[in-house]
């Protein structure tokens, strides 16, 4: 029916499919193991490291904002206590408001 060439082609096709299937399973297993290693690393030590880096970045942003404000001449106003009046401040320095 097929002849010798036809049987050989069928045999090669079956052998190739077996090899391809085995290699694809091995490749998927390797990918799964690598993915598990990456996930395992980020759960413990990696999360702490990311949080530390985020904190450092936040501090750097605050310092950058402060430096930008300082260089541009925009100083933040000083807050005074609400119960301090100008006459209270003069008596605090030891000056006599009456004269």
PDB file of N, CA and C in Angstrom:
ATOM      1  N   UNK A   1       0.811  -1.167   0.000  1.00  0.00           N
ATOM      2  CA  UNK A   1       0.000   0.000   0.000  1.00  0.00           C
ATOM      3  C   UNK A   1       0.871   1.253   0.000  1.00  0.00           C
ATOM      4  N   UNK A   2       1.711   1.483   1.057  1.00  0.00           N
ATOM      5  CA  UNK A   2       2.542   2.670   1.104  1.00  0.00           C
ATOM      6  C   UNK A   2       3.903   2.435   0.471  1.00  0.00           C
ATOM      7  N   UNK A   3       4.382   1.282   0.570  1.00  0.00           N
ATOM      8  CA  UNK A   3       5.715   0.992   0.077  1.00  0.00           C
ATOM      9  C   UNK A   3       6.734   1.272   1.187  1.00  0.00           C
ATOM     10  N   UNK A   4       7.965   1.015   0.890  1.00  0.00           N
ATOM     11  CA  UNK A   4       9.054   1.202   1.860  1.00  0.00           C
ATOM     12  C   UNK A   4       9.232   2.672   2.205  1.00  0.00           C
ATOM     13  N   UNK A   5       9.170   3.559   1.235  1.00  0.00           N
ATOM     14  CA  UNK A   5       9.352   4.978   1.495  1.00  0.00           C
ATOM     15  C   UNK A   5       8.237   5.531   2.381  1.00  0.00           C
ATOM     16  N   UNK A   6       7.042   5.107   2.164  1.00  0.00           N
ATOM     17  CA  UNK A   6       5.904   5.578   2.954  1.00  0.00           C
ATOM     18  C   UNK A   6       6.007   5.148   4.404  1.00  0.00           C
ATOM     19  N   UNK A   7       6.454   3.903   4.628  1.00  0.00           N
ATOM     20  CA  UNK A   7       6.619   3.400   5.990  1.00  0.00           C
ATOM     21  C   UNK A   7       7.733   4.172   6.690  1.00  0.00           C
ATOM     22  N   UNK A   8       8.786   4.463   5.965  1.00  0.00           N
ATOM     23  CA  UNK A   8       9.909   5.222   6.536  1.00  0.00           C
ATOM     24  C   UNK A   8       9.475   6.629   6.938  1.00  0.00           C
ATOM     25  N   UNK A   9       8.662   7.251   6.090  1.00  0.00           N
ATOM     26  CA  UNK A   9       8.186   8.603   6.386  1.00  0.00           C
ATOM     27  C   UNK A   9       7.276   8.584   7.624  1.00  0.00           C
ATOM     28  N   UNK A  10       6.397   7.591   7.702  1.00  0.00           N
ATOM     29  CA  UNK A  10       5.518   7.476   8.862  1.00  0.00           C
ATOM     30  C   UNK A  10       6.342   7.232  10.134  1.00  0.00           C
ATOM     31  N   UNK A  11       7.348   6.352  10.028  1.00  0.00           N
ATOM     32  CA  UNK A  11       8.212   6.074  11.167  1.00  0.00           C
ATOM     33  C   UNK A  11       8.948   7.341  11.619  1.00  0.00           C
ATOM     34  N   UNK A  12       9.484   8.107  10.702  1.00  0.00           N
ATOM     35  CA  UNK A  12      10.185   9.346  11.040  1.00  0.00           C
ATOM     36  C   UNK A  12       9.233  10.382  11.660  1.00  0.00           C
ATOM     37  N   UNK A  13       8.015  10.444  11.167  1.00  0.00           N
ATOM     38  CA  UNK A  13       7.043  11.387  11.711  1.00  0.00           C
ATOM     39  C   UNK A  13       6.695  11.025  13.152  1.00  0.00           C
ATOM     40  N   UNK A  14       6.503   9.743  13.422  1.00  0.00           N
ATOM     41  CA  UNK A  14       6.198   9.298  14.787  1.00  0.00           C
ATOM     42  C   UNK A  14       7.380   9.562  15.711  1.00  0.00           C
ATOM     43  N   UNK A  15       8.589   9.244  15.257  1.00  0.00           N
ATOM     44  CA  UNK A  15       9.795   9.464  16.062  1.00  0.00           C
ATOM     45  C   UNK A  15       9.988  10.961  16.341  1.00  0.00           C
ATOM     46  N   UNK A  16       9.754  11.785  15.335  1.00  0.00           N
ATOM     47  CA  UNK A  16       9.911  13.232  15.522  1.00  0.00           C
ATOM     48  C   UNK A  16       8.880  13.764  16.521  1.00  0.00           C
ATOM     49  N   UNK A  17       7.668  13.266  16.452  1.00  0.00           N
ATOM     50  CA  UNK A  17       6.637  13.742  17.387  1.00  0.00           C
ATOM     51  C   UNK A  17       6.967  13.329  18.818  1.00  0.00           C
ATOM     52  N   UNK A  18       7.535  12.128  18.998  1.00  0.00           N
ATOM     53  CA  UNK A  18       7.931  11.674  20.333  1.00  0.00           C
ATOM     54  C   UNK A  18       9.056  12.559  20.876  1.00  0.00           C
ATOM     55  N   UNK A  19      10.037  12.852  20.034  1.00  0.00           N
ATOM     56  CA  UNK A  19      11.172  13.690  20.465  1.00  0.00           C
ATOM     57  C   UNK A  19      10.704  15.110  20.786  1.00  0.00           C
ATOM     58  N   UNK A  20       9.862  15.665  19.945  1.00  0.00           N
ATOM     59  CA  UNK A  20       9.372  17.031  20.163  1.00  0.00           C
ATOM     60  C   UNK A  20       8.528  17.100  21.429  1.00  0.00           C
ATOM     61  N   UNK A  21       7.705  16.079  21.650  1.00  0.00           N
ATOM     62  CA  UNK A  21       6.859  16.078  22.844  1.00  0.00           C
ATOM     63  C   UNK A  21       7.713  15.993  24.105  1.00  0.00           C
ATOM     64  N   UNK A  22       8.726  15.139  24.104  1.00  0.00           N
ATOM     65  CA  UNK A  22       9.596  15.000  25.272  1.00  0.00           C
ATOM     66  C   UNK A  22      10.387  16.286  25.528  1.00  0.00           C
ATOM     67  N   UNK A  23      10.879  16.909  24.477  1.00  0.00           N
ATOM     68  CA  UNK A  23      11.659  18.133  24.664  1.00  0.00           C
ATOM     69  C   UNK A  23      10.768  19.293  25.119  1.00  0.00           C
ATOM     70  N   UNK A  24       9.532  19.335  24.654  1.00  0.00           N
ATOM     71  CA  UNK A  24       8.631  20.404  25.101  1.00  0.00           C
ATOM     72  C   UNK A  24       8.256  20.221  26.568  1.00  0.00           C
ATOM     73  N   UNK A  25       8.104  18.994  27.017  1.00  0.00           N
ATOM     74  CA  UNK A  25       7.831  18.742  28.435  1.00  0.00           C
ATOM     75  C   UNK A  25       9.024  19.163  29.284  1.00  0.00           C
ATOM     76  N   UNK A  26      10.221  18.840  28.821  1.00  0.00           N
ATOM     77  CA  UNK A  26      11.426  19.220  29.569  1.00  0.00           C
ATOM     78  C   UNK A  26      11.558  20.740  29.628  1.00  0.00           C
ATOM     79  N   UNK A  27      11.275  21.411  28.524  1.00  0.00           N
ATOM     80  CA  UNK A  27      11.361  22.869  28.497  1.00  0.00           C
ATOM     81  C   UNK A  27      10.329  23.497  29.423  1.00  0.00           C
ATOM     82  N   UNK A  28       9.131  22.966  29.455  1.00  0.00           N
ATOM     83  CA  UNK A  28       8.117  23.518  30.345  1.00  0.00           C
ATOM     84  C   UNK A  28       8.466  23.275  31.810  1.00  0.00           C
ATOM     85  N   UNK A  29       9.075  22.147  32.118  1.00  0.00           N
ATOM     86  CA  UNK A  29       9.499  21.866  33.484  1.00  0.00           C
ATOM     87  C   UNK A  29      10.605  22.831  33.920  1.00  0.00           C
ATOM     88  N   UNK A  30      11.542  23.094  33.024  1.00  0.00           N
ATOM     89  CA  UNK A  30      12.616  24.050  33.321  1.00  0.00           C
ATOM     90  C   UNK A  30      12.024  25.435  33.569  1.00  0.00           C
ATOM     91  N   UNK A  31      11.086  25.851  32.748  1.00  0.00           N
ATOM     92  CA  UNK A  31      10.445  27.156  32.922  1.00  0.00           C
ATOM     93  C   UNK A  31       9.691  27.218  34.240  1.00  0.00           C
ATOM     94  N   UNK A  32       9.032  26.144  34.625  1.00  0.00           N
ATOM     95  CA  UNK A  32       8.296  26.114  35.880  1.00  0.00           C
ATOM     96  C   UNK A  32       9.232  26.231  37.071  1.00  0.00           C
ATOM     97  N   UNK A  33      10.355  25.530  37.037  1.00  0.00           N
ATOM     98  CA  UNK A  33      11.320  25.573  38.137  1.00  0.00           C
ATOM     99  C   UNK A  33      11.919  26.976  38.259  1.00  0.00           C
ATOM    100  N   UNK A  34      12.273  27.591  37.138  1.00  0.00           N
ATOM    101  CA  UNK A  34      12.839  28.943  37.180  1.00  0.00           C
ATOM    102  C   UNK A  34      11.822  29.941  37.720  1.00  0.00           C
ATOM    103  N   UNK A  35      10.583  29.781  37.319  1.00  0.00           N
ATOM    104  CA  UNK A  35       9.534  30.680  37.806  1.00  0.00           C
ATOM    105  C   UNK A  35       9.333  30.513  39.312  1.00  0.00           C
ATOM    106  N   UNK A  36       9.384  29.281  39.785  1.00  0.00           N
ATOM    107  CA  UNK A  36       9.232  29.020  41.215  1.00  0.00           C
ATOM    108  C   UNK A  36      10.383  29.635  42.001  1.00  0.00           C
ATOM    109  N   UNK A  37      11.597  29.591  41.468  1.00  0.00           N
ATOM    110  CA  UNK A  37      12.747  30.203  42.141  1.00  0.00           C
ATOM    111  C   UNK A  37      12.564  31.712  42.247  1.00  0.00           C
ATOM    112  N   UNK A  38      12.114  32.344  41.177  1.00  0.00           N
ATOM    113  CA  UNK A  38      11.907  33.799  41.200  1.00  0.00           C
ATOM    114  C   UNK A  38      10.827  34.173  42.205  1.00  0.00           C
ATOM    115  N   UNK A  39       9.743  33.412  42.227  1.00  0.00           N
ATOM    116  CA  UNK A  39       8.645  33.694  43.149  1.00  0.00           C
ATOM    117  C   UNK A  39       9.090  33.486  44.584  1.00  0.00           C
ATOM    118  N   UNK A  40       9.843  32.450  44.837  1.00  0.00           N
ATOM    119  CA  UNK A  40      10.308  32.153  46.184  1.00  0.00           C
ATOM    120  C   UNK A  40      11.231  33.259  46.683  1.00  0.00           C
ATOM    121  N   UNK A  41      12.071  33.782  45.826  1.00  0.00           N
ATOM    122  CA  UNK A  41      12.996  34.836  46.215  1.00  0.00           C
ATOM    123  C   UNK A  41      12.302  36.139  46.529  1.00  0.00           C
ATOM    124  N   UNK A  42      11.215  36.450  45.872  1.00  0.00           N
ATOM    125  CA  UNK A  42      10.547  37.729  46.114  1.00  0.00           C
ATOM    126  C   UNK A  42       9.632  37.685  47.325  1.00  0.00           C
ATOM    127  N   UNK A  43       9.292  36.527  47.827  1.00  0.00           N
ATOM    128  CA  UNK A  43       8.373  36.461  48.971  1.00  0.00           C
ATOM    129  C   UNK A  43       9.017  36.911  50.266  1.00  0.00           C
ATOM    130  N   UNK A  44      10.261  36.571  50.496  1.00  0.00           N
ATOM    131  CA  UNK A  44      10.885  36.890  51.769  1.00  0.00           C
ATOM    132  C   UNK A  44      11.834  38.051  51.685  1.00  0.00           C
ATOM    133  N   UNK A  45      13.035  37.752  51.313  1.00  0.00           N
ATOM    134  CA  UNK A  45      14.109  38.739  51.280  1.00  0.00           C
ATOM    135  C   UNK A  45      13.847  39.840  50.265  1.00  0.00           C
ATOM    136  N   UNK A  46      13.282  39.490  49.142  1.00  0.00           N
ATOM    137  CA  UNK A  46      13.043  40.469  48.088  1.00  0.00           C
ATOM    138  C   UNK A  46      12.044  41.535  48.495  1.00  0.00           C
ATOM    139  N   UNK A  47      11.003  41.160  49.217  1.00  0.00           N
ATOM    140  CA  UNK A  47       9.990  42.123  49.652  1.00  0.00           C
ATOM    141  C   UNK A  47      10.606  43.130  50.616  1.00  0.00           C
ATOM    142  N   UNK A  48      11.423  42.652  51.543  1.00  0.00           N
ATOM    143  CA  UNK A  48      12.083  43.547  52.489  1.00  0.00           C
ATOM    144  C   UNK A  48      13.013  44.509  51.765  1.00  0.00           C
ATOM    145  N   UNK A  49      13.709  43.999  50.779  1.00  0.00           N
ATOM    146  CA  UNK A  49      14.633  44.842  50.022  1.00  0.00           C
ATOM    147  C   UNK A  49      13.876  45.907  49.228  1.00  0.00           C
ATOM    148  N   UNK A  50      12.761  45.527  48.638  1.00  0.00           N
ATOM    149  CA  UNK A  50      11.948  46.483  47.887  1.00  0.00           C
ATOM    150  C   UNK A  50      11.405  47.554  48.815  1.00  0.00           C
ATOM    151  N   UNK A  51      10.939  47.171  50.001  1.00  0.00           N
ATOM    152  CA  UNK A  51      10.419  48.144  50.957  1.00  0.00           C
ATOM    153  C   UNK A  51      11.509  49.109  51.407  1.00  0.00           C
ATOM    154  N   UNK A  52      12.719  48.594  51.628  1.00  0.00           N
ATOM    155  CA  UNK A  52      13.831  49.460  52.022  1.00  0.00           C
ATOM    156  C   UNK A  52      14.177  50.446  50.903  1.00  0.00           C
ATOM    157  N   UNK A  53      14.155  49.971  49.679  1.00  0.00           N
ATOM    158  CA  UNK A  53      14.433  50.853  48.544  1.00  0.00           C
ATOM    159  C   UNK A  53      13.347  51.906  48.379  1.00  0.00           C
ATOM    160  N   UNK A  54      12.095  51.540  48.610  1.00  0.00           N
ATOM    161  CA  UNK A  54      11.005  52.507  48.523  1.00  0.00           C
ATOM    162  C   UNK A  54      11.150  53.583  49.592  1.00  0.00           C
ATOM    163  N   UNK A  55      11.561  53.201  50.794  1.00  0.00           N
ATOM    164  CA  UNK A  55      11.766  54.166  51.869  1.00  0.00           C
ATOM    165  C   UNK A  55      12.899  55.128  51.517  1.00  0.00           C
ATOM    166  N   UNK A  56      13.989  54.593  50.991  1.00  0.00           N
ATOM    167  CA  UNK A  56      15.101  55.456  50.580  1.00  0.00           C
ATOM    168  C   UNK A  56      14.689  56.398  49.471  1.00  0.00           C
ATOM    169  N   UNK A  57      13.889  55.919  48.546  1.00  0.00           N
ATOM    170  CA  UNK A  57      13.413  56.761  47.455  1.00  0.00           C
ATOM    171  C   UNK A  57      12.514  57.873  47.994  1.00  0.00           C
ATOM    172  N   UNK A  58      11.669  57.562  48.971  1.00  0.00           N
ATOM    173  CA  UNK A  58      10.804  58.576  49.570  1.00  0.00           C
ATOM    174  C   UNK A  58      11.629  59.668  50.242  1.00  0.00           C
ATOM    175  N   UNK A  59      12.670  59.265  50.977  1.00  0.00           N
ATOM    176  CA  UNK A  59      13.541  60.241  51.625  1.00  0.00           C
ATOM    177  C   UNK A  59      14.271  61.103  50.604  1.00  0.00           C
ATOM    178  N   UNK A  60      14.722  60.479  49.523  1.00  0.00           N
ATOM    179  CA  UNK A  60      15.391  61.246  48.476  1.00  0.00           C
ATOM    180  C   UNK A  60      14.450  62.250  47.826  1.00  0.00           C
ATOM    181  N   UNK A  61      13.199  61.861  47.634  1.00  0.00           N
ATOM    182  CA  UNK A  61      12.214  62.787  47.058  1.00  0.00           C
ATOM    183  C   UNK A  61      11.983  63.971  47.986  1.00  0.00           C
ATOM    184  N   UNK A  62      11.898  63.717  49.294  1.00  0.00           N
ATOM    185  CA  UNK A  62      11.725  64.808  50.249  1.00  0.00           C
ATOM    186  C   UNK A  62      12.914  65.753  50.215  1.00  0.00           C
ATOM    187  N   UNK A  63      14.109  65.196  50.171  1.00  0.00           N
ATOM    188  CA  UNK A  63      15.309  66.031  50.118  1.00  0.00           C
ATOM    189  C   UNK A  63      15.367  66.836  48.826  1.00  0.00           C
ATOM    190  N   UNK A  64      14.975  66.212  47.734  1.00  0.00           N
ATOM    191  CA  UNK A  64      14.961  66.909  46.447  1.00  0.00           C
ATOM    192  C   UNK A  64      13.967  68.060  46.473  1.00  0.00           C
ATOM    193  N   UNK A  65      12.781  67.840  47.031  1.00  0.00           N
ATOM    194  CA  UNK A  65      11.785  68.910  47.135  1.00  0.00           C
ATOM    195  C   UNK A  65      12.309  70.054  47.999  1.00  0.00           C
ATOM    196  N   UNK A  66      12.935  69.718  49.118  1.00  0.00           N
ATOM    197  CA  UNK A  66      13.483  70.738  49.998  1.00  0.00           C
ATOM    198  C   UNK A  66      14.557  71.549  49.274  1.00  0.00           C
ATOM    199  N   UNK A  67      15.451  70.876  48.571  1.00  0.00           N
ATOM    200  CA  UNK A  67      16.518  71.563  47.850  1.00  0.00           C
ATOM    201  C   UNK A  67      15.952  72.435  46.744  1.00  0.00           C
ATOM    202  N   UNK A  68      14.971  71.938  46.016  1.00  0.00           N
ATOM    203  CA  UNK A  68      14.340  72.739  44.961  1.00  0.00           C
ATOM    204  C   UNK A  68      13.713  73.994  45.535  1.00  0.00           C
ATOM    205  N   UNK A  69      12.992  73.859  46.656  1.00  0.00           N
ATOM    206  CA  UNK A  69      12.372  75.018  47.291  1.00  0.00           C
ATOM    207  C   UNK A  69      13.416  76.009  47.783  1.00  0.00           C
ATOM    208  N   UNK A  70      14.491  75.503  48.350  1.00  0.00           N
ATOM    209  CA  UNK A  70      15.547  76.361  48.862  1.00  0.00           C
ATOM    210  C   UNK A  70      16.228  77.127  47.734  1.00  0.00           C
ATOM    211  N   UNK A  71      16.507  76.451  46.648  1.00  0.00           N
ATOM    212  CA  UNK A  71      17.192  77.100  45.530  1.00  0.00           C
ATOM    213  C   UNK A  71      16.289  78.065  44.776  1.00  0.00           C
ATOM    214  N   UNK A  72      15.007  77.808  44.766  1.00  0.00           N
ATOM    215  CA  UNK A  72      14.106  78.696  44.039  1.00  0.00           C
ATOM    216  C   UNK A  72      13.660  79.885  44.896  1.00  0.00           C
ATOM    217  N   UNK A  73      14.032  79.906  46.161  1.00  0.00           N
ATOM    218  CA  UNK A  73      13.701  81.015  47.029  1.00  0.00           C
ATOM    219  C   UNK A  73      12.358  80.888  47.693  1.00  0.00           C
ATOM    220  N   UNK A  74      11.689  79.793  47.530  1.00  0.00           N
ATOM    221  CA  UNK A  74      10.385  79.586  48.164  1.00  0.00           C
ATOM    222  C   UNK A  74      10.600  78.945  49.522  1.00  0.00           C
ATOM    223  N   UNK A  75      10.641  79.756  50.537  1.00  0.00           N
ATOM    224  CA  UNK A  75      10.802  79.226  51.891  1.00  0.00           C
ATOM    225  C   UNK A  75       9.432  78.991  52.483  1.00  0.00           C
ATOM    226  N   UNK A  76       9.312  77.935  53.215  1.00  0.00           N
ATOM    227  CA  UNK A  76       8.038  77.660  53.866  1.00  0.00           C
ATOM    228  C   UNK A  76       7.884  78.596  55.055  1.00  0.00           C
ATOM    229  N   UNK A  77       6.703  79.174  55.253  1.00  0.00           N
ATOM    230  CA  UNK A  77       6.526  80.113  56.362  1.00  0.00           C
ATOM    231  C   UNK A  77       6.679  79.407  57.699  1.00  0.00           C
ATOM    232  N   UNK A  78       7.245  80.143  58.637  1.00  0.00           N
ATOM    233  CA  UNK A  78       7.400  79.581  59.984  1.00  0.00           C
ATOM    234  C   UNK A  78       6.074  79.677  60.713  1.00  0.00           C
ATOM    235  N   UNK A  79       5.736  78.645  61.391  1.00  0.00           N
ATOM    236  CA  UNK A  79       4.495  78.623  62.135  1.00  0.00           C
ATOM    237  C   UNK A  79       4.741  79.163  63.535  1.00  0.00           C
ATOM    238  N   UNK A  80       3.887  80.081  63.963  1.00  0.00           N
ATOM    239  CA  UNK A  80       4.011  80.630  65.300  1.00  0.00           C
ATOM    240  C   UNK A  80       2.867  80.087  66.139  1.00  0.00           C
ATOM    241  N   UNK A  81       3.068  80.087  67.410  1.00  0.00           N
ATOM    242  CA  UNK A  81       2.022  79.584  68.286  1.00  0.00           C
ATOM    243  C   UNK A  81       0.839  80.535  68.231  1.00  0.00           C
ATOM    244  N   UNK A  82      -0.375  80.046  68.263  1.00  0.00           N
ATOM    245  CA  UNK A  82      -1.546  80.899  68.119  1.00  0.00           C
ATOM    246  C   UNK A  82      -1.739  81.880  69.271  1.00  0.00           C
ATOM    247  N   UNK A  83      -1.252  81.573  70.466  1.00  0.00           N
ATOM    248  CA  UNK A  83      -1.461  82.467  71.597  1.00  0.00           C
ATOM    249  C   UNK A  83      -0.340  83.494  71.742  1.00  0.00           C
ATOM    250  N   UNK A  84       0.648  83.469  70.854  1.00  0.00           N
ATOM    251  CA  UNK A  84       1.740  84.448  70.925  1.00  0.00           C
ATOM    252  C   UNK A  84       1.335  85.697  70.172  1.00  0.00           C
ATOM    253  N   UNK A  85       1.289  86.841  70.884  1.00  0.00           N
ATOM    254  CA  UNK A  85       0.976  88.128  70.268  1.00  0.00           C
ATOM    255  C   UNK A  85       2.261  88.938  70.193  1.00  0.00           C
ATOM    256  N   UNK A  86       2.301  90.019  69.411  1.00  0.00           N
ATOM    257  CA  UNK A  86       3.532  90.818  69.326  1.00  0.00           C
ATOM    258  C   UNK A  86       3.975  91.342  70.686  1.00  0.00           C
ATOM    259  N   UNK A  87       3.034  91.701  71.568  1.00  0.00           N
ATOM    260  CA  UNK A  87       3.432  92.195  72.887  1.00  0.00           C
ATOM    261  C   UNK A  87       4.014  91.069  73.738  1.00  0.00           C
ATOM    262  N   UNK A  88       3.508  89.837  73.559  1.00  0.00           N
ATOM    263  CA  UNK A  88       4.054  88.698  74.298  1.00  0.00           C
ATOM    264  C   UNK A  88       5.483  88.430  73.885  1.00  0.00           C
ATOM    265  N   UNK A  89       5.776  88.586  72.602  1.00  0.00           N
ATOM    266  CA  UNK A  89       7.131  88.319  72.115  1.00  0.00           C
ATOM    267  C   UNK A  89       8.109  89.348  72.660  1.00  0.00           C
ATOM    268  N   UNK A  90       7.677  90.589  72.806  1.00  0.00           N
ATOM    269  CA  UNK A  90       8.594  91.605  73.313  1.00  0.00           C
ATOM    270  C   UNK A  90       8.878  91.383  74.793  1.00  0.00           C
ATOM    271  N   UNK A  91       7.912  90.893  75.540  1.00  0.00           N
ATOM    272  CA  UNK A  91       8.157  90.626  76.960  1.00  0.00           C
ATOM    273  C   UNK A  91       8.994  89.383  77.142  1.00  0.00           C
ATOM    274  N   UNK A  92       8.930  88.476  76.161  1.00  0.00           N
ATOM    275  CA  UNK A  92       9.738  87.273  76.260  1.00  0.00           C
ATOM    276  C   UNK A  92      11.219  87.602  76.150  1.00  0.00           C
ATOM    277  N   UNK A  93      11.536  88.659  75.425  1.00  0.00           N
ATOM    278  CA  UNK A  93      12.944  89.004  75.242  1.00  0.00           C
ATOM    279  C   UNK A  93      13.464  89.866  76.407  1.00  0.00           C
ATOM    280  N   UNK A  94      12.610  90.168  77.303  1.00  0.00           N
ATOM    281  CA  UNK A  94      13.054  90.925  78.452  1.00  0.00           C
ATOM    282  C   UNK A  94      12.807  92.423  78.287  1.00  0.00           C
ATOM    283  N   UNK A  95      12.193  92.863  77.190  1.00  0.00           N
ATOM    284  CA  UNK A  95      11.936  94.276  76.989  1.00  0.00           C
ATOM    285  C   UNK A  95      10.653  94.656  77.723  1.00  0.00           C
ATOM    286  N   UNK A  96      10.609  95.846  78.218  1.00  0.00           N
ATOM    287  CA  UNK A  96       9.442  96.339  78.936  1.00  0.00           C
ATOM    288  C   UNK A  96       8.513  97.025  77.952  1.00  0.00           C
ATOM    289  N   UNK A  97       7.287  96.484  77.724  1.00  0.00           N
ATOM    290  CA  UNK A  97       6.412  97.107  76.728  1.00  0.00           C
ATOM    291  C   UNK A  97       5.939  98.490  77.137  1.00  0.00           C
ATOM    292  N   UNK A  98       5.945  98.797  78.425  1.00  0.00           N
ATOM    293  CA  UNK A  98       5.479 100.099  78.869  1.00  0.00           C
ATOM    294  C   UNK A  98       6.548 101.171  78.689  1.00  0.00           C
ATOM    295  N   UNK A  99       7.728 100.802  78.522  1.00  0.00           N
ATOM    296  CA  UNK A  99       8.716 101.849  78.280  1.00  0.00           C
ATOM    297  C   UNK A  99       9.962 101.505  78.874  1.00  0.00           C
TER     298      UNK A  99
END
